[in-house]
Amino acid sequence: LLHAVETEGIQGFGATYTAKLRELAELGGFLPDGR
């Protein structure tokens, strides 16, 4: 999902939202080893 957002983009979904999504994924344990 992060890769798709970063490469394909979503209108209105800029760097701040991408950072929030990455943080949510890391804190929620959705990424292996938090990365």
PDB file of all heavy atoms in Angstrom:
ATOM      1  N   LEU A   1       0.836  -1.199   0.000  1.00  0.00           N
ATOM      2  CA  LEU A   1       0.000   0.000   0.000  1.00  0.00           C
ATOM      3  C   LEU A   1       0.871   1.249   0.000  1.00  0.00           C
ATOM      4  O   LEU A   1       0.649   2.171  -0.794  1.00  0.00           O
ATOM      5  CB  LEU A   1      -0.934   0.006   1.211  1.00  0.00           C
ATOM      6  CG  LEU A   1      -1.755   1.287   1.404  1.00  0.00           C
ATOM      7  CD1 LEU A   1      -2.723   1.499   0.247  1.00  0.00           C
ATOM      8  CD2 LEU A   1      -2.494   1.238   2.733  1.00  0.00           C
ATOM      9  N   LEU A   2       1.854   1.299   0.876  1.00  0.00           N
ATOM     10  CA  LEU A   2       2.753   2.454   0.918  1.00  0.00           C
ATOM     11  C   LEU A   2       3.450   2.653  -0.417  1.00  0.00           C
ATOM     12  O   LEU A   2       3.550   3.781  -0.912  1.00  0.00           O
ATOM     13  CB  LEU A   2       3.793   2.278   2.024  1.00  0.00           C
ATOM     14  CG  LEU A   2       3.338   2.666   3.414  1.00  0.00           C
ATOM     15  CD1 LEU A   2       4.299   2.114   4.461  1.00  0.00           C
ATOM     16  CD2 LEU A   2       3.220   4.172   3.534  1.00  0.00           C
ATOM     17  N   HIS A   3       3.914   1.576  -0.998  1.00  0.00           N
ATOM     18  CA  HIS A   3       4.586   1.681  -2.297  1.00  0.00           C
ATOM     19  C   HIS A   3       3.624   2.225  -3.347  1.00  0.00           C
ATOM     20  O   HIS A   3       3.993   3.106  -4.132  1.00  0.00           O
ATOM     21  CB  HIS A   3       5.157   0.331  -2.724  1.00  0.00           C
ATOM     22  CG  HIS A   3       5.847   0.401  -4.034  1.00  0.00           C
ATOM     23  ND1 HIS A   3       7.083   0.986  -4.192  1.00  0.00           N
ATOM     24  CD2 HIS A   3       5.460   0.003  -5.264  1.00  0.00           C
ATOM     25  CE1 HIS A   3       7.428   0.929  -5.457  1.00  0.00           C
ATOM     26  NE2 HIS A   3       6.468   0.335  -6.131  1.00  0.00           N
ATOM     27  N   ALA A   4       2.399   1.721  -3.367  1.00  0.00           N
ATOM     28  CA  ALA A   4       1.415   2.186  -4.346  1.00  0.00           C
ATOM     29  C   ALA A   4       1.106   3.667  -4.144  1.00  0.00           C
ATOM     30  O   ALA A   4       1.031   4.430  -5.111  1.00  0.00           O
ATOM     31  CB  ALA A   4       0.132   1.360  -4.244  1.00  0.00           C
ATOM     32  N   VAL A   5       0.949   4.088  -2.909  1.00  0.00           N
ATOM     33  CA  VAL A   5       0.667   5.499  -2.622  1.00  0.00           C
ATOM     34  C   VAL A   5       1.833   6.371  -3.082  1.00  0.00           C
ATOM     35  O   VAL A   5       1.636   7.425  -3.684  1.00  0.00           O
ATOM     36  CB  VAL A   5       0.379   5.707  -1.114  1.00  0.00           C
ATOM     37  CG1 VAL A   5       0.435   7.170  -0.731  1.00  0.00           C
ATOM     38  CG2 VAL A   5      -0.972   5.110  -0.742  1.00  0.00           C
ATOM     39  N   GLU A   6       3.041   5.908  -2.826  1.00  0.00           N
ATOM     40  CA  GLU A   6       4.224   6.693  -3.182  1.00  0.00           C
ATOM     41  C   GLU A   6       4.477   6.730  -4.681  1.00  0.00           C
ATOM     42  O   GLU A   6       4.973   7.725  -5.198  1.00  0.00           O
ATOM     43  CB  GLU A   6       5.451   6.155  -2.446  1.00  0.00           C
ATOM     44  CG  GLU A   6       5.386   6.408  -0.953  1.00  0.00           C
ATOM     45  CD  GLU A   6       6.452   5.678  -0.154  1.00  0.00           C
ATOM     46  OE1 GLU A   6       7.103   4.754  -0.703  1.00  0.00           O
ATOM     47  OE2 GLU A   6       6.622   6.018   1.025  1.00  0.00           O
ATOM     48  N   THR A   7       4.122   5.681  -5.396  1.00  0.00           N
ATOM     49  CA  THR A   7       4.415   5.643  -6.831  1.00  0.00           C
ATOM     50  C   THR A   7       3.228   6.053  -7.695  1.00  0.00           C
ATOM     51  O   THR A   7       3.411   6.704  -8.718  1.00  0.00           O
ATOM     52  CB  THR A   7       4.898   4.243  -7.268  1.00  0.00           C
ATOM     53  OG1 THR A   7       3.906   3.277  -6.944  1.00  0.00           O
ATOM     54  CG2 THR A   7       6.218   3.897  -6.610  1.00  0.00           C
ATOM     55  N   GLU A   8       2.030   5.680  -7.297  1.00  0.00           N
ATOM     56  CA  GLU A   8       0.845   5.994  -8.093  1.00  0.00           C
ATOM     57  C   GLU A   8       0.176   7.279  -7.635  1.00  0.00           C
ATOM     58  O   GLU A   8      -0.427   7.993  -8.421  1.00  0.00           O
ATOM     59  CB  GLU A   8      -0.161   4.844  -8.022  1.00  0.00           C
ATOM     60  CG  GLU A   8       0.376   3.546  -8.573  1.00  0.00           C
ATOM     61  CD  GLU A   8      -0.553   2.379  -8.297  1.00  0.00           C
ATOM     62  OE1 GLU A   8      -1.783   2.587  -8.248  1.00  0.00           O
ATOM     63  OE2 GLU A   8      -0.041   1.271  -8.117  1.00  0.00           O
ATOM     64  N   GLY A   9       0.247   7.515  -6.334  1.00  0.00           N
ATOM     65  CA  GLY A   9      -0.356   8.713  -5.763  1.00  0.00           C
ATOM     66  C   GLY A   9      -1.864   8.636  -5.654  1.00  0.00           C
ATOM     67  O   GLY A   9      -2.521   7.823  -6.298  1.00  0.00           O
ATOM     68  N   ILE A  10      -2.390   9.471  -4.801  1.00  0.00           N
ATOM     69  CA  ILE A  10      -3.823   9.672  -4.633  1.00  0.00           C
ATOM     70  C   ILE A  10      -4.008  11.180  -4.608  1.00  0.00           C
ATOM     71  O   ILE A  10      -3.305  11.874  -3.856  1.00  0.00           O
ATOM     72  CB  ILE A  10      -4.343   9.065  -3.315  1.00  0.00           C
ATOM     73  CG1 ILE A  10      -4.224   7.543  -3.329  1.00  0.00           C
ATOM     74  CG2 ILE A  10      -5.786   9.491  -3.048  1.00  0.00           C
ATOM     75  CD1 ILE A  10      -4.605   6.887  -2.005  1.00  0.00           C
ATOM     76  N   GLN A  11      -4.904  11.678  -5.410  1.00  0.00           N
ATOM     77  CA  GLN A  11      -5.135  13.122  -5.438  1.00  0.00           C
ATOM     78  C   GLN A  11      -5.453  13.624  -4.029  1.00  0.00           C
ATOM     79  O   GLN A  11      -6.311  13.076  -3.341  1.00  0.00           O
ATOM     80  CB  GLN A  11      -6.272  13.459  -6.388  1.00  0.00           C
ATOM     81  CG  GLN A  11      -6.449  14.952  -6.564  1.00  0.00           C
ATOM     82  CD  GLN A  11      -7.455  15.280  -7.643  1.00  0.00           C
ATOM     83  OE1 GLN A  11      -7.988  14.404  -8.313  1.00  0.00           O
ATOM     84  NE2 GLN A  11      -7.721  16.557  -7.810  1.00  0.00           N
ATOM     85  N   GLY A  12      -4.736  14.667  -3.603  1.00  0.00           N
ATOM     86  CA  GLY A  12      -4.943  15.224  -2.280  1.00  0.00           C
ATOM     87  C   GLY A  12      -4.187  14.511  -1.171  1.00  0.00           C
ATOM     88  O   GLY A  12      -4.265  14.888  -0.015  1.00  0.00           O
ATOM     89  N   PHE A  13      -3.453  13.464  -1.516  1.00  0.00           N
ATOM     90  CA  PHE A  13      -2.718  12.662  -0.526  1.00  0.00           C
ATOM     91  C   PHE A  13      -1.243  12.983  -0.692  1.00  0.00           C
ATOM     92  O   PHE A  13      -0.527  12.321  -1.432  1.00  0.00           O
ATOM     93  CB  PHE A  13      -2.990  11.176  -0.778  1.00  0.00           C
ATOM     94  CG  PHE A  13      -2.715  10.282   0.401  1.00  0.00           C
ATOM     95  CD1 PHE A  13      -3.728   9.986   1.293  1.00  0.00           C
ATOM     96  CD2 PHE A  13      -1.472   9.733   0.616  1.00  0.00           C
ATOM     97  CE1 PHE A  13      -3.501   9.150   2.378  1.00  0.00           C
ATOM     98  CE2 PHE A  13      -1.232   8.897   1.690  1.00  0.00           C
ATOM     99  CZ  PHE A  13      -2.252   8.614   2.574  1.00  0.00           C
ATOM    100  N   GLY A  14      -0.787  14.010  -0.001  1.00  0.00           N
ATOM    101  CA  GLY A  14       0.583  14.469  -0.150  1.00  0.00           C
ATOM    102  C   GLY A  14       1.538  13.825   0.835  1.00  0.00           C
ATOM    103  O   GLY A  14       1.248  12.802   1.456  1.00  0.00           O
ATOM    104  N   ALA A  15       2.667  14.479   0.983  1.00  0.00           N
ATOM    105  CA  ALA A  15       3.741  13.949   1.823  1.00  0.00           C
ATOM    106  C   ALA A  15       3.317  13.808   3.285  1.00  0.00           C
ATOM    107  O   ALA A  15       3.718  12.853   3.965  1.00  0.00           O
ATOM    108  CB  ALA A  15       4.971  14.841   1.707  1.00  0.00           C
ATOM    109  N   THR A  16       2.504  14.734   3.770  1.00  0.00           N
ATOM    110  CA  THR A  16       2.079  14.665   5.175  1.00  0.00           C
ATOM    111  C   THR A  16       1.212  13.434   5.413  1.00  0.00           C
ATOM    112  O   THR A  16       1.418  12.701   6.388  1.00  0.00           O
ATOM    113  CB  THR A  16       1.292  15.937   5.563  1.00  0.00           C
ATOM    114  OG1 THR A  16       2.139  17.069   5.361  1.00  0.00           O
ATOM    115  CG2 THR A  16       0.852  15.896   7.005  1.00  0.00           C
ATOM    116  N   TYR A  17       0.250  13.178   4.534  1.00  0.00           N
ATOM    117  CA  TYR A  17      -0.605  11.992   4.672  1.00  0.00           C
ATOM    118  C   TYR A  17       0.213  10.715   4.492  1.00  0.00           C
ATOM    119  O   TYR A  17      -0.019   9.721   5.179  1.00  0.00           O
ATOM    120  CB  TYR A  17      -1.750  12.013   3.668  1.00  0.00           C
ATOM    121  CG  TYR A  17      -2.881  12.943   4.012  1.00  0.00           C
ATOM    122  CD1 TYR A  17      -3.775  13.354   3.029  1.00  0.00           C
ATOM    123  CD2 TYR A  17      -3.089  13.409   5.305  1.00  0.00           C
ATOM    124  CE1 TYR A  17      -4.834  14.207   3.323  1.00  0.00           C
ATOM    125  CE2 TYR A  17      -4.132  14.256   5.609  1.00  0.00           C
ATOM    126  CZ  TYR A  17      -5.007  14.648   4.615  1.00  0.00           C
ATOM    127  OH  TYR A  17      -6.049  15.483   4.905  1.00  0.00           O
ATOM    128  N   THR A  18       1.170  10.738   3.560  1.00  0.00           N
ATOM    129  CA  THR A  18       2.006   9.556   3.350  1.00  0.00           C
ATOM    130  C   THR A  18       2.806   9.253   4.613  1.00  0.00           C
ATOM    131  O   THR A  18       2.925   8.093   5.019  1.00  0.00           O
ATOM    132  CB  THR A  18       2.939   9.755   2.143  1.00  0.00           C
ATOM    133  OG1 THR A  18       2.135  10.007   0.979  1.00  0.00           O
ATOM    134  CG2 THR A  18       3.804   8.530   1.888  1.00  0.00           C
ATOM    135  N   ALA A  19       3.330  10.285   5.246  1.00  0.00           N
ATOM    136  CA  ALA A  19       4.078  10.091   6.496  1.00  0.00           C
ATOM    137  C   ALA A  19       3.162   9.545   7.597  1.00  0.00           C
ATOM    138  O   ALA A  19       3.565   8.667   8.368  1.00  0.00           O
ATOM    139  CB  ALA A  19       4.717  11.410   6.938  1.00  0.00           C
ATOM    140  N   LYS A  20       1.921  10.040   7.650  1.00  0.00           N
ATOM    141  CA  LYS A  20       0.962   9.529   8.638  1.00  0.00           C
ATOM    142  C   LYS A  20       0.634   8.067   8.366  1.00  0.00           C
ATOM    143  O   LYS A  20       0.505   7.259   9.282  1.00  0.00           O
ATOM    144  CB  LYS A  20      -0.312  10.366   8.632  1.00  0.00           C
ATOM    145  CG  LYS A  20      -0.138  11.722   9.267  1.00  0.00           C
ATOM    146  CD  LYS A  20      -1.443  12.494   9.265  1.00  0.00           C
ATOM    147  CE  LYS A  20      -1.253  13.853   9.904  1.00  0.00           C
ATOM    148  NZ  LYS A  20      -2.497  14.592  10.028  1.00  0.00           N
ATOM    149  N   LEU A  21       0.496   7.720   7.093  1.00  0.00           N
ATOM    150  CA  LEU A  21       0.216   6.330   6.730  1.00  0.00           C
ATOM    151  C   LEU A  21       1.384   5.432   7.119  1.00  0.00           C
ATOM    152  O   LEU A  21       1.190   4.356   7.686  1.00  0.00           O
ATOM    153  CB  LEU A  21      -0.073   6.215   5.231  1.00  0.00           C
ATOM    154  CG  LEU A  21      -0.314   4.813   4.703  1.00  0.00           C
ATOM    155  CD1 LEU A  21      -1.524   4.161   5.372  1.00  0.00           C
ATOM    156  CD2 LEU A  21      -0.492   4.846   3.183  1.00  0.00           C
ATOM    157  N   ARG A  22       2.595   5.875   6.843  1.00  0.00           N
ATOM    158  CA  ARG A  22       3.783   5.082   7.204  1.00  0.00           C
ATOM    159  C   ARG A  22       3.854   4.903   8.721  1.00  0.00           C
ATOM    160  O   ARG A  22       4.111   3.813   9.218  1.00  0.00           O
ATOM    161  CB  ARG A  22       5.059   5.747   6.685  1.00  0.00           C
ATOM    162  CG  ARG A  22       6.318   4.952   7.027  1.00  0.00           C
ATOM    163  CD  ARG A  22       7.543   5.505   6.338  1.00  0.00           C
ATOM    164  NE  ARG A  22       7.442   5.435   4.904  1.00  0.00           N
ATOM    165  CZ  ARG A  22       7.647   4.334   4.173  1.00  0.00           C
ATOM    166  NH1 ARG A  22       7.962   3.204   4.779  1.00  0.00           N
ATOM    167  NH2 ARG A  22       7.534   4.357   2.866  1.00  0.00           N
ATOM    168  N   GLU A  23       3.599   5.972   9.459  1.00  0.00           N
ATOM    169  CA  GLU A  23       3.628   5.893  10.919  1.00  0.00           C
ATOM    170  C   GLU A  23       2.559   4.928  11.433  1.00  0.00           C
ATOM    171  O   GLU A  23       2.819   4.108  12.313  1.00  0.00           O
ATOM    172  CB  GLU A  23       3.418   7.282  11.521  1.00  0.00           C
ATOM    173  CG  GLU A  23       3.456   7.283  13.032  1.00  0.00           C
ATOM    174  CD  GLU A  23       3.255   8.670  13.628  1.00  0.00           C
ATOM    175  OE1 GLU A  23       2.806   9.591  12.917  1.00  0.00           O
ATOM    176  OE2 GLU A  23       3.530   8.810  14.825  1.00  0.00           O
ATOM    177  N   LEU A  24       1.355   5.018  10.871  1.00  0.00           N
ATOM    178  CA  LEU A  24       0.273   4.108  11.252  1.00  0.00           C
ATOM    179  C   LEU A  24       0.674   2.658  10.986  1.00  0.00           C
ATOM    180  O   LEU A  24       0.468   1.782  11.820  1.00  0.00           O
ATOM    181  CB  LEU A  24      -1.004   4.461  10.482  1.00  0.00           C
ATOM    182  CG  LEU A  24      -2.201   3.559  10.685  1.00  0.00           C
ATOM    183  CD1 LEU A  24      -2.763   3.715  12.092  1.00  0.00           C
ATOM    184  CD2 LEU A  24      -3.285   3.884   9.662  1.00  0.00           C
ATOM    185  N   ALA A  25       1.277   2.411   9.832  1.00  0.00           N
ATOM    186  CA  ALA A  25       1.698   1.055   9.474  1.00  0.00           C
ATOM    187  C   ALA A  25       2.798   0.550  10.404  1.00  0.00           C
ATOM    188  O   ALA A  25       2.782  -0.606  10.834  1.00  0.00           O
ATOM    189  CB  ALA A  25       2.165   1.024   8.025  1.00  0.00           C
ATOM    190  N   GLU A  26       3.735   1.424  10.725  1.00  0.00           N
ATOM    191  CA  GLU A  26       4.833   1.016  11.603  1.00  0.00           C
ATOM    192  C   GLU A  26       4.348   0.775  13.031  1.00  0.00           C
ATOM    193  O   GLU A  26       4.642  -0.257  13.633  1.00  0.00           O
ATOM    194  CB  GLU A  26       5.933   2.076  11.595  1.00  0.00           C
ATOM    195  CG  GLU A  26       6.710   2.104  10.299  1.00  0.00           C
ATOM    196  CD  GLU A  26       7.707   3.252  10.214  1.00  0.00           C
ATOM    197  OE1 GLU A  26       7.714   4.130  11.109  1.00  0.00           O
ATOM    198  OE2 GLU A  26       8.469   3.269   9.241  1.00  0.00           O
ATOM    199  N   LEU A  27       3.598   1.735  13.574  1.00  0.00           N
ATOM    200  CA  LEU A  27       3.124   1.607  14.957  1.00  0.00           C
ATOM    201  C   LEU A  27       2.122   0.470  15.124  1.00  0.00           C
ATOM    202  O   LEU A  27       2.045  -0.145  16.180  1.00  0.00           O
ATOM    203  CB  LEU A  27       2.513   2.922  15.434  1.00  0.00           C
ATOM    204  CG  LEU A  27       3.483   4.092  15.571  1.00  0.00           C
ATOM    205  CD1 LEU A  27       2.746   5.353  15.962  1.00  0.00           C
ATOM    206  CD2 LEU A  27       4.589   3.777  16.561  1.00  0.00           C
ATOM    207  N   GLY A  28       1.356   0.209  14.069  1.00  0.00           N
ATOM    208  CA  GLY A  28       0.375  -0.864  14.129  1.00  0.00           C
ATOM    209  C   GLY A  28       0.965  -2.245  13.902  1.00  0.00           C
ATOM    210  O   GLY A  28       0.257  -3.254  13.961  1.00  0.00           O
ATOM    211  N   GLY A  29       2.254  -2.291  13.613  1.00  0.00           N
ATOM    212  CA  GLY A  29       2.906  -3.576  13.382  1.00  0.00           C
ATOM    213  C   GLY A  29       2.581  -4.199  12.040  1.00  0.00           C
ATOM    214  O   GLY A  29       2.699  -5.408  11.861  1.00  0.00           O
ATOM    215  N   PHE A  30       2.172  -3.369  11.081  1.00  0.00           N
ATOM    216  CA  PHE A  30       1.807  -3.885   9.770  1.00  0.00           C
ATOM    217  C   PHE A  30       2.996  -4.014   8.827  1.00  0.00           C
ATOM    218  O   PHE A  30       2.865  -4.568   7.741  1.00  0.00           O
ATOM    219  CB  PHE A  30       0.742  -2.988   9.118  1.00  0.00           C
ATOM    220  CG  PHE A  30      -0.545  -2.966   9.884  1.00  0.00           C
ATOM    221  CD1 PHE A  30      -0.938  -1.831  10.578  1.00  0.00           C
ATOM    222  CD2 PHE A  30      -1.366  -4.083   9.923  1.00  0.00           C
ATOM    223  CE1 PHE A  30      -2.119  -1.808  11.290  1.00  0.00           C
ATOM    224  CE2 PHE A  30      -2.551  -4.069  10.634  1.00  0.00           C
ATOM    225  CZ  PHE A  30      -2.922  -2.925  11.323  1.00  0.00           C
ATOM    226  N   LEU A  31       4.142  -3.486   9.231  1.00  0.00           N
ATOM    227  CA  LEU A  31       5.353  -3.614   8.429  1.00  0.00           C
ATOM    228  C   LEU A  31       6.308  -4.552   9.147  1.00  0.00           C
ATOM    229  O   LEU A  31       6.440  -4.492  10.368  1.00  0.00           O
ATOM    230  CB  LEU A  31       6.030  -2.245   8.241  1.00  0.00           C
ATOM    231  CG  LEU A  31       5.236  -1.213   7.464  1.00  0.00           C
ATOM    232  CD1 LEU A  31       5.995   0.116   7.430  1.00  0.00           C
ATOM    233  CD2 LEU A  31       4.949  -1.687   6.059  1.00  0.00           C
ATOM    234  N   PRO A  32       6.994  -5.405   8.409  1.00  0.00           N
ATOM    235  CA  PRO A  32       7.936  -6.313   9.057  1.00  0.00           C
ATOM    236  C   PRO A  32       9.038  -5.514   9.758  1.00  0.00           C
ATOM    237  O   PRO A  32       9.616  -4.604   9.168  1.00  0.00           O
ATOM    238  CB  PRO A  32       8.495  -7.159   7.922  1.00  0.00           C
ATOM    239  CG  PRO A  32       8.050  -6.530   6.665  1.00  0.00           C
ATOM    240  CD  PRO A  32       6.966  -5.555   6.978  1.00  0.00           C
ATOM    241  N   ASP A  33       9.276  -5.818  10.996  1.00  0.00           N
ATOM    242  CA  ASP A  33      10.312  -5.158  11.791  1.00  0.00           C
ATOM    243  C   ASP A  33      10.152  -3.640  11.808  1.00  0.00           C
ATOM    244  O   ASP A  33      11.122  -2.917  11.962  1.00  0.00           O
ATOM    245  CB  ASP A  33      11.708  -5.504  11.281  1.00  0.00           C
ATOM    246  CG  ASP A  33      11.973  -6.992  11.341  1.00  0.00           C
ATOM    247  OD1 ASP A  33      11.510  -7.647  12.295  1.00  0.00           O
ATOM    248  OD2 ASP A  33      12.633  -7.495  10.439  1.00  0.00           O
ATOM    249  N   GLY A  34       8.935  -3.148  11.574  1.00  0.00           N
ATOM    250  CA  GLY A  34       8.700  -1.717  11.624  1.00  0.00           C
ATOM    251  C   GLY A  34       9.316  -0.930  10.496  1.00  0.00           C
ATOM    252  O   GLY A  34       9.471   0.271  10.572  1.00  0.00           O
ATOM    253  N   ARG A  35       9.690  -1.601   9.391  1.00  0.00           N
ATOM    254  CA  ARG A  35      10.280  -0.879   8.263  1.00  0.00           C
ATOM    255  C   ARG A  35       9.702  -1.407   6.960  1.00  0.00           C
ATOM    256  O   ARG A  35       9.153  -2.500   6.902  1.00  0.00           O
ATOM    257  CB  ARG A  35      11.795  -0.998   8.280  1.00  0.00           C
ATOM    258  CG  ARG A  35      12.292  -2.406   8.259  1.00  0.00           C
ATOM    259  CD  ARG A  35      13.816  -2.459   8.451  1.00  0.00           C
ATOM    260  NE  ARG A  35      14.190  -3.771   8.901  1.00  0.00           N
ATOM    261  CZ  ARG A  35      14.211  -4.865   8.144  1.00  0.00           C
ATOM    262  NH1 ARG A  35      13.888  -4.791   6.883  1.00  0.00           N
ATOM    263  NH2 ARG A  35      14.548  -6.029   8.639  1.00  0.00           N
TER     264      ARG A  35
END
